Protein backbone atom coordinates (compact mmCIF):
# COMPACT_ATOMS: atom_id res chain seq x y z
CA UNK A 1 -71.27 -86.36 104.70
CA UNK A 2 -70.18 -89.66 105.77
CA UNK A 3 -66.68 -91.19 105.69
CA UNK A 4 -65.57 -92.94 102.58
CA UNK A 5 -64.19 -95.96 104.30
CA UNK A 6 -64.20 -97.42 107.82
CA UNK A 7 -62.34 -100.50 109.02
CA UNK A 8 -64.28 -103.46 110.38
CA UNK A 9 -63.40 -102.77 114.00
CA UNK A 10 -64.60 -99.32 115.04
CA UNK A 11 -63.91 -99.15 118.76
CA UNK A 12 -63.35 -95.38 118.80
CA UNK A 13 -66.89 -94.64 117.62
CA UNK A 14 -68.31 -96.39 120.66
CA UNK A 15 -65.97 -94.67 123.08
CA UNK A 16 -66.61 -91.26 121.49
CA UNK A 17 -70.36 -91.69 121.76
CA UNK A 18 -71.63 -92.47 118.28
CA UNK A 19 -75.34 -92.14 117.53
CA UNK A 20 -77.12 -94.94 119.39
CA UNK A 21 -80.35 -96.19 120.92
CA UNK A 22 -82.36 -93.83 123.05
CA UNK A 23 -85.35 -96.03 123.80
CA UNK A 24 -86.79 -96.97 127.20
CA UNK A 25 -84.71 -98.90 129.74
CA UNK A 26 -87.59 -101.18 130.63
CA UNK A 27 -88.88 -101.55 134.18
CA UNK A 28 -86.31 -99.20 135.72
CA UNK A 29 -82.57 -99.04 136.28
CA UNK A 30 -82.56 -101.67 139.03
CA UNK A 31 -84.23 -104.22 136.72
CA UNK A 32 -81.14 -104.29 134.48
CA UNK A 33 -79.51 -106.73 136.91
CA UNK A 34 -82.69 -108.32 138.34
CA UNK A 35 -82.22 -112.09 138.06
CA UNK A 36 -85.98 -112.67 137.91
CA UNK A 37 -86.33 -110.85 134.57
CA UNK A 38 -85.53 -112.54 131.26
CA UNK A 39 -83.45 -110.57 128.73
CA UNK A 40 -84.94 -109.22 125.53
CA UNK A 41 -84.04 -106.61 122.89
CA UNK A 42 -86.04 -103.41 123.32
CA UNK A 43 -84.42 -101.12 120.73
CA UNK A 44 -82.08 -101.22 117.73
CA UNK A 45 -80.24 -98.65 115.65
CA UNK A 46 -80.86 -98.82 112.76
CA UNK A 47 -84.39 -100.20 113.31
CA UNK A 48 -85.30 -103.62 111.95
CA UNK A 49 -86.37 -103.44 108.31
CA UNK A 50 -84.84 -99.97 107.83
CA UNK A 51 -83.39 -98.70 104.56
CA UNK A 52 -80.24 -96.57 104.68
CA UNK A 53 -77.97 -94.83 104.20
CA UNK A 54 -77.04 -94.99 107.90
CA UNK A 55 -74.53 -93.11 109.99
CA UNK A 56 -73.43 -96.31 111.68
CA UNK A 57 -71.28 -97.58 108.77
CA UNK A 58 -70.68 -101.29 109.51
CA UNK A 59 -72.28 -101.26 112.96
CA UNK A 60 -75.61 -102.08 114.52
CA UNK A 61 -76.45 -101.09 118.10
CA UNK A 62 -78.84 -103.11 120.24
CA UNK A 63 -80.37 -102.22 123.57
CA UNK A 64 -81.44 -104.91 126.02
CA UNK A 65 -83.61 -104.66 129.09
CA UNK A 66 -80.79 -106.35 131.06
CA UNK A 67 -77.06 -106.17 131.50
CA UNK A 68 -75.77 -108.78 129.08
CA UNK A 69 -72.89 -111.25 129.19
CA UNK A 70 -70.60 -110.33 126.27
CA UNK A 71 -69.00 -113.77 126.04
CA UNK A 72 -72.36 -115.42 125.39
CA UNK A 73 -73.33 -112.71 122.89
CA UNK A 74 -70.18 -113.32 120.89
CA UNK A 75 -71.24 -116.95 120.53
CA UNK A 76 -74.87 -116.14 119.76
CA UNK A 77 -74.63 -113.26 117.24
CA UNK A 78 -74.50 -113.92 113.50
CA UNK A 79 -74.41 -111.68 110.41
CA UNK A 80 -75.59 -113.02 107.06
CA UNK A 81 -76.05 -111.73 103.51
CA UNK A 82 -77.13 -113.22 100.17
CA UNK A 83 -73.53 -112.95 98.93
CA UNK A 84 -72.20 -114.58 102.09
CA UNK A 85 -69.52 -111.87 102.10
CA UNK A 86 -69.50 -110.87 105.77
CA UNK A 87 -69.66 -112.15 109.32
CA UNK A 88 -70.00 -110.64 112.77
CA UNK A 89 -66.71 -109.39 114.12
CA UNK A 90 -66.51 -111.12 117.48
CA UNK A 91 -63.90 -108.59 118.62
CA UNK A 92 -66.27 -105.85 117.52
CA UNK A 93 -69.10 -106.91 119.82
CA UNK A 94 -68.66 -104.25 122.47
CA UNK A 95 -70.59 -102.62 125.25
CA UNK A 96 -70.29 -99.21 126.89
CA UNK A 97 -72.43 -100.01 129.94
CA UNK A 98 -73.77 -103.56 129.68
CA UNK A 99 -77.24 -103.07 128.21
CA UNK A 100 -76.24 -101.28 124.96
CA UNK A 101 -74.30 -103.54 122.62
CA UNK A 102 -72.46 -102.55 119.43
CA UNK A 103 -72.06 -105.22 116.76
CA UNK A 104 -69.58 -104.67 113.93
CA UNK A 105 -69.39 -106.51 110.63
CA UNK A 106 -66.23 -107.69 108.94
CA UNK A 107 -65.63 -109.34 105.56
CA UNK A 108 -65.66 -113.11 105.41
CA UNK A 109 -62.46 -112.83 103.35
CA UNK A 110 -59.97 -109.97 103.11
CA UNK A 111 -59.56 -107.01 105.43
CA UNK A 112 -61.91 -104.33 104.08
CA UNK A 113 -65.65 -104.33 104.59
CA UNK A 114 -68.31 -102.14 103.02
CA UNK A 115 -72.05 -102.63 102.58
CA UNK A 116 -72.83 -103.77 99.02
CA UNK A 117 -75.20 -101.55 97.07
CA UNK A 118 -78.78 -102.83 97.12
CA UNK A 119 -77.95 -105.80 99.36
CA UNK A 120 -79.87 -106.78 102.49
CA UNK A 121 -78.08 -107.95 105.64
CA UNK A 122 -79.48 -110.00 108.49
CA UNK A 123 -78.38 -109.90 112.11
CA UNK A 124 -79.56 -112.79 114.24
CA UNK A 125 -79.05 -113.67 117.91
CA UNK A 126 -79.76 -117.18 119.14
CA UNK A 127 -81.22 -117.93 122.56
CA UNK A 128 -77.68 -118.84 123.69
CA UNK A 129 -77.29 -115.15 124.56
CA UNK A 130 -77.37 -114.68 128.34
CA UNK A 131 -77.67 -111.78 130.74
CA UNK A 132 -75.30 -111.34 133.68
CA UNK A 133 -77.67 -113.48 135.79
CA UNK A 134 -77.39 -116.46 133.42
CA UNK A 135 -80.90 -116.01 131.98
CA UNK A 136 -81.12 -116.80 128.30
CA UNK A 137 -82.65 -114.52 125.67
CA UNK A 138 -86.44 -114.80 125.88
CA UNK A 139 -86.59 -115.85 122.19
CA UNK A 140 -84.22 -115.80 119.21
CA UNK A 141 -83.93 -112.41 117.53
CA UNK A 142 -83.52 -111.49 113.87
CA UNK A 143 -83.50 -108.22 111.94
CA UNK A 144 -82.84 -107.33 108.30
CA UNK A 145 -81.64 -103.99 106.97
CA UNK A 146 -80.77 -102.47 103.58
CA UNK A 147 -77.81 -100.21 104.48
CA UNK A 148 -76.93 -98.80 101.05
CA UNK A 149 -79.81 -98.66 98.56
CA UNK A 150 -77.89 -96.55 96.02
CA UNK A 151 -74.39 -95.77 94.84
CA UNK A 152 -73.52 -92.37 96.35
CA UNK A 153 -70.84 -89.88 97.30
CA UNK A 154 -70.12 -90.09 101.02
CA UNK A 155 -67.47 -87.43 101.48
CA UNK A 156 -65.86 -84.56 99.61
CA UNK A 157 -62.85 -82.40 100.36
CA UNK A 158 -62.76 -79.45 100.53
CA UNK A 159 -66.19 -79.61 102.16
CA UNK A 160 -69.19 -78.29 100.25
CA UNK A 161 -69.49 -74.52 100.68
CA UNK A 162 -66.00 -74.14 102.21
CA UNK A 163 -64.33 -70.71 102.06
CA UNK A 164 -60.69 -69.66 102.25
CA UNK A 165 -59.55 -72.95 100.75
CA UNK A 166 -55.81 -73.31 100.20
CA UNK A 167 -54.53 -72.72 96.68
CA UNK A 168 -52.71 -76.06 96.98
CA UNK A 169 -55.76 -78.05 98.06
CA UNK A 170 -56.21 -81.61 96.86
CA UNK A 171 -59.75 -82.53 95.80
CA UNK A 172 -61.20 -85.85 96.98
CA UNK A 173 -64.44 -87.77 96.57
CA UNK A 174 -65.26 -90.72 98.80
CA UNK A 175 -67.84 -93.28 97.70
CA UNK A 176 -69.84 -95.99 99.42
CA UNK A 177 -68.56 -98.62 97.01
CA UNK A 178 -65.30 -99.31 95.12
CA UNK A 179 -64.85 -97.47 91.82
CA UNK A 180 -62.66 -97.83 88.75
CA UNK A 181 -60.81 -95.27 86.58
CA UNK A 182 -63.95 -94.95 84.44
CA UNK A 183 -65.32 -92.70 87.21
CA UNK A 184 -62.96 -89.94 86.07
CA UNK A 185 -64.87 -89.55 82.80
CA UNK A 186 -67.93 -88.48 84.77
CA UNK A 187 -66.18 -85.73 86.77
CA UNK A 188 -65.72 -82.12 85.67
CA UNK A 189 -64.13 -79.13 87.44
CA UNK A 190 -65.20 -75.56 86.69
CA UNK A 191 -63.27 -73.41 86.09
CA UNK A 192 -60.88 -76.05 84.71
CA UNK A 193 -57.59 -76.67 86.48
CA UNK A 194 -54.77 -78.89 85.23
CA UNK A 195 -54.01 -81.92 87.36
CA UNK A 196 -54.16 -85.69 87.67
CA UNK A 197 -56.40 -88.27 89.35
CA UNK A 198 -55.32 -91.02 91.73
CA UNK A 199 -56.80 -93.77 93.94
CA UNK A 200 -55.77 -93.40 97.61
CA UNK A 201 -58.16 -96.31 98.31
CA UNK A 202 -60.73 -98.34 96.34
CA UNK A 203 -63.53 -96.04 97.54
CA UNK A 204 -61.62 -92.75 97.39
CA UNK A 205 -60.44 -90.76 94.38
CA UNK A 206 -58.24 -87.67 94.53
CA UNK A 207 -57.39 -84.88 92.10
CA UNK A 208 -54.06 -83.16 92.61
CA UNK A 209 -53.74 -79.91 90.62
CA UNK A 210 -50.38 -79.47 88.88
CA UNK A 211 -50.77 -75.69 89.19
CA UNK A 212 -52.07 -73.61 92.07
CA UNK A 213 -55.77 -72.91 92.22
CA UNK A 214 -56.70 -69.31 91.50
CA UNK A 215 -57.42 -66.88 94.33
CA UNK A 216 -60.94 -65.65 95.16
CA UNK A 217 -62.43 -68.29 92.87
CA UNK A 218 -65.48 -70.47 93.34
CA UNK A 219 -64.82 -73.97 92.00
CA UNK A 220 -67.64 -76.37 91.19
CA UNK A 221 -67.02 -80.10 90.90
CA UNK A 222 -69.75 -82.05 89.14
CA UNK A 223 -70.25 -85.81 88.97
CA UNK A 224 -72.80 -86.80 86.33
CA UNK A 225 -75.30 -89.63 86.67
CA UNK A 226 -73.15 -91.73 84.34
CA UNK A 227 -70.79 -92.32 87.28
CA UNK A 228 -70.82 -95.94 88.43
CA UNK A 229 -69.04 -98.22 90.87
CA UNK A 230 -67.14 -101.32 89.82
CA UNK A 231 -70.38 -103.35 90.02
CA UNK A 232 -72.11 -101.01 87.49
CA UNK A 233 -74.34 -99.33 90.09
CA UNK A 234 -74.91 -95.76 88.87
CA UNK A 235 -75.60 -92.54 90.72
CA UNK A 236 -79.33 -91.82 90.99
CA UNK A 237 -78.67 -88.24 89.81
CA UNK A 238 -76.02 -85.60 89.15
CA UNK A 239 -73.97 -84.63 92.20
CA UNK A 240 -72.02 -81.40 92.64
CA UNK A 241 -70.29 -79.37 95.33
CA UNK A 242 -68.58 -75.99 95.56
CA UNK A 243 -65.80 -74.27 97.46
CA UNK A 244 -64.08 -70.88 97.29
CA UNK A 245 -60.34 -70.28 97.51
CA UNK A 246 -58.49 -67.75 99.68
CA UNK A 247 -58.55 -64.08 98.64
CA UNK A 248 -55.64 -62.21 97.12
CA UNK A 249 -53.80 -60.68 100.08
CA UNK A 250 -50.55 -59.48 101.59
CA UNK A 251 -49.24 -62.41 103.61
CA UNK A 252 -46.12 -61.01 105.34
CA UNK A 253 -44.39 -57.63 105.74
CA UNK A 254 -41.08 -56.27 106.98
CA UNK A 255 -40.70 -54.41 109.23
CA UNK A 256 -43.57 -55.77 111.28
CA UNK A 257 -46.72 -53.67 111.29
CA UNK A 258 -46.64 -51.12 114.14
CA UNK A 259 -42.89 -51.51 114.74
CA UNK A 260 -41.03 -48.85 116.72
CA UNK A 261 -37.33 -48.01 116.51
CA UNK A 262 -36.95 -49.21 112.92
CA UNK A 263 -33.45 -48.77 111.47
CA UNK A 264 -32.96 -45.78 109.19
CA UNK A 265 -31.23 -48.02 106.68
CA UNK A 266 -33.30 -50.79 105.20
CA UNK A 267 -36.31 -51.44 103.04
CA UNK A 268 -40.00 -52.07 103.42
CA UNK A 269 -40.99 -55.36 101.84
CA UNK A 270 -44.31 -57.08 101.16
CA UNK A 271 -44.96 -60.74 100.30
CA UNK A 272 -48.17 -61.63 98.46
CA UNK A 273 -49.88 -65.01 98.48
CA UNK A 274 -49.81 -65.08 94.65
CA UNK A 275 -47.91 -63.16 92.01
CA UNK A 276 -49.14 -59.67 91.15
CA UNK A 277 -49.71 -58.17 87.75
CA UNK A 278 -46.63 -55.93 87.67
CA UNK A 279 -48.45 -53.27 85.65
CA UNK A 280 -50.75 -52.58 88.63
CA UNK A 281 -48.12 -52.30 91.40
CA UNK A 282 -47.01 -48.68 91.00
CA UNK A 283 -50.59 -47.40 90.78
CA UNK A 284 -51.56 -49.28 93.96
CA UNK A 285 -48.52 -48.23 96.04
CA UNK A 286 -48.31 -45.03 98.11
CA UNK A 287 -46.23 -43.79 101.06
CA UNK A 288 -46.74 -41.01 103.58
CA UNK A 289 -44.89 -38.82 104.28
CA UNK A 290 -43.49 -38.89 100.73
CA UNK A 291 -39.88 -40.00 100.40
CA UNK A 292 -37.77 -40.62 97.32
CA UNK A 293 -36.65 -44.14 96.69
CA UNK A 294 -36.88 -47.22 94.48
CA UNK A 295 -40.00 -49.38 94.16
CA UNK A 296 -39.12 -52.86 92.91
CA UNK A 297 -41.45 -55.76 92.29
CA UNK A 298 -41.60 -59.19 90.74
CA UNK A 299 -43.58 -62.34 91.34
CA UNK A 300 -44.94 -62.27 94.88
CA UNK A 301 -42.55 -59.57 96.22
CA UNK A 302 -42.86 -55.79 96.44
CA UNK A 303 -40.00 -53.76 97.95
CA UNK A 304 -39.38 -50.07 98.61
CA UNK A 305 -35.87 -48.84 99.34
CA UNK A 306 -35.28 -45.18 100.33
CA UNK A 307 -32.81 -43.32 98.13
CA UNK A 308 -30.70 -42.38 101.18
CA UNK A 309 -32.37 -43.40 104.42
CA UNK A 310 -35.64 -43.13 106.27
CA UNK A 311 -36.10 -39.88 108.19
CA UNK A 312 -35.35 -40.28 111.91
CA UNK A 313 -38.20 -40.47 114.46
CA UNK A 314 -40.81 -40.54 111.71
CA UNK A 315 -43.95 -42.63 111.42
CA UNK A 316 -44.42 -43.93 107.89
CA UNK A 317 -47.65 -45.19 106.43
CA UNK A 318 -47.32 -47.37 103.33
CA UNK A 319 -50.55 -48.32 101.59
CA UNK A 320 -51.31 -50.88 98.90
CA UNK A 321 -54.76 -50.29 97.42
CA UNK A 322 -57.20 -52.69 95.83
CA UNK A 323 -55.92 -51.52 92.44
CA UNK A 324 -53.32 -54.24 92.87
CA UNK A 325 -54.29 -57.25 90.75
CA UNK A 326 -53.13 -60.76 90.07
CA UNK A 327 -52.16 -61.99 86.64
CA UNK A 328 -55.70 -63.39 86.32
CA UNK A 329 -57.28 -60.03 87.12
CA UNK A 330 -58.28 -60.58 90.78
CA UNK A 331 -58.04 -57.44 92.90
CA UNK A 332 -56.53 -57.30 96.36
CA UNK A 333 -59.48 -58.12 98.63
CA UNK A 334 -59.01 -55.03 100.81
CA UNK A 335 -56.49 -52.21 101.11
CA UNK A 336 -53.38 -53.05 103.12
CA UNK A 337 -51.63 -50.47 105.33
CA UNK A 338 -48.19 -50.85 106.95
CA UNK A 339 -47.13 -48.37 109.64
CA UNK A 340 -43.79 -48.17 111.43
CA UNK A 341 -41.72 -45.57 113.30
CA UNK A 342 -38.02 -45.05 112.76
CA UNK A 343 -35.21 -44.52 115.29
CA UNK A 344 -34.25 -41.10 116.64
């Protein structure tokens, strides 16, 4: 999906190679600086008359048959809309190699620009535009586009279909238009999780759970078609996405797995990524060779302490089976085995 919000000046997209024109260069590479050829536009992205949504956010790319003079283009290029809410960003008229030009829009007032839903925008270039040879544009140019025909979700986090998502993940939805708190009434999370909504930006909403998400759980977030932006544009249909959290697992152990020369006096300890159901610990725990000792557990910790000491020069194998469960009934994803060898 696309980003929820981009500033008016997007220099990095040009440098990083954003999607752009791939049309013909004209009469050949040498003609790009041929003073006998008049400049003209041979390609645009998006195309003239196109309906979005587009990847280019607030940008339009133009390809000329000549290397162009940027100073003249900055005087010649205009953006217009029925709401008169935007202009061409003269600092955002950039070129990577002279014949491909990127034009960015900026708001006529304020600092944040976004395409308005259902609104057409016109880019025009007067014949004041010149190539590097001083030749003016063959004829004035104009193109109209409809960048955002519908209110829509542009980004979600975690991404749709993501696995191994953190139990402390924050959920976000990014839109192509500003929204109000009424949007929250249209969102549901299944299975439910307690939390609160916030507005990191006018086009981004976030849900921060007040409790950890459950392990090995697929969450579905649904936005009904009653969702609307602040201008009352509604979603064309229900939108939903899913992600799955990390499995129940042993996260750390002591001593380290495979350790040699382990002290005869000490304990074996296991940290879990969520609390275990204490009634399942003893059944899931085993140790070879057998040794008497104390098995203690609580919350996310399991510990075994020998009654006297570990036997010298002995390799121990401690296993925790998938019988181990969380308080919500999720089994350990796979058996866990710790091996270590004691000192002489």
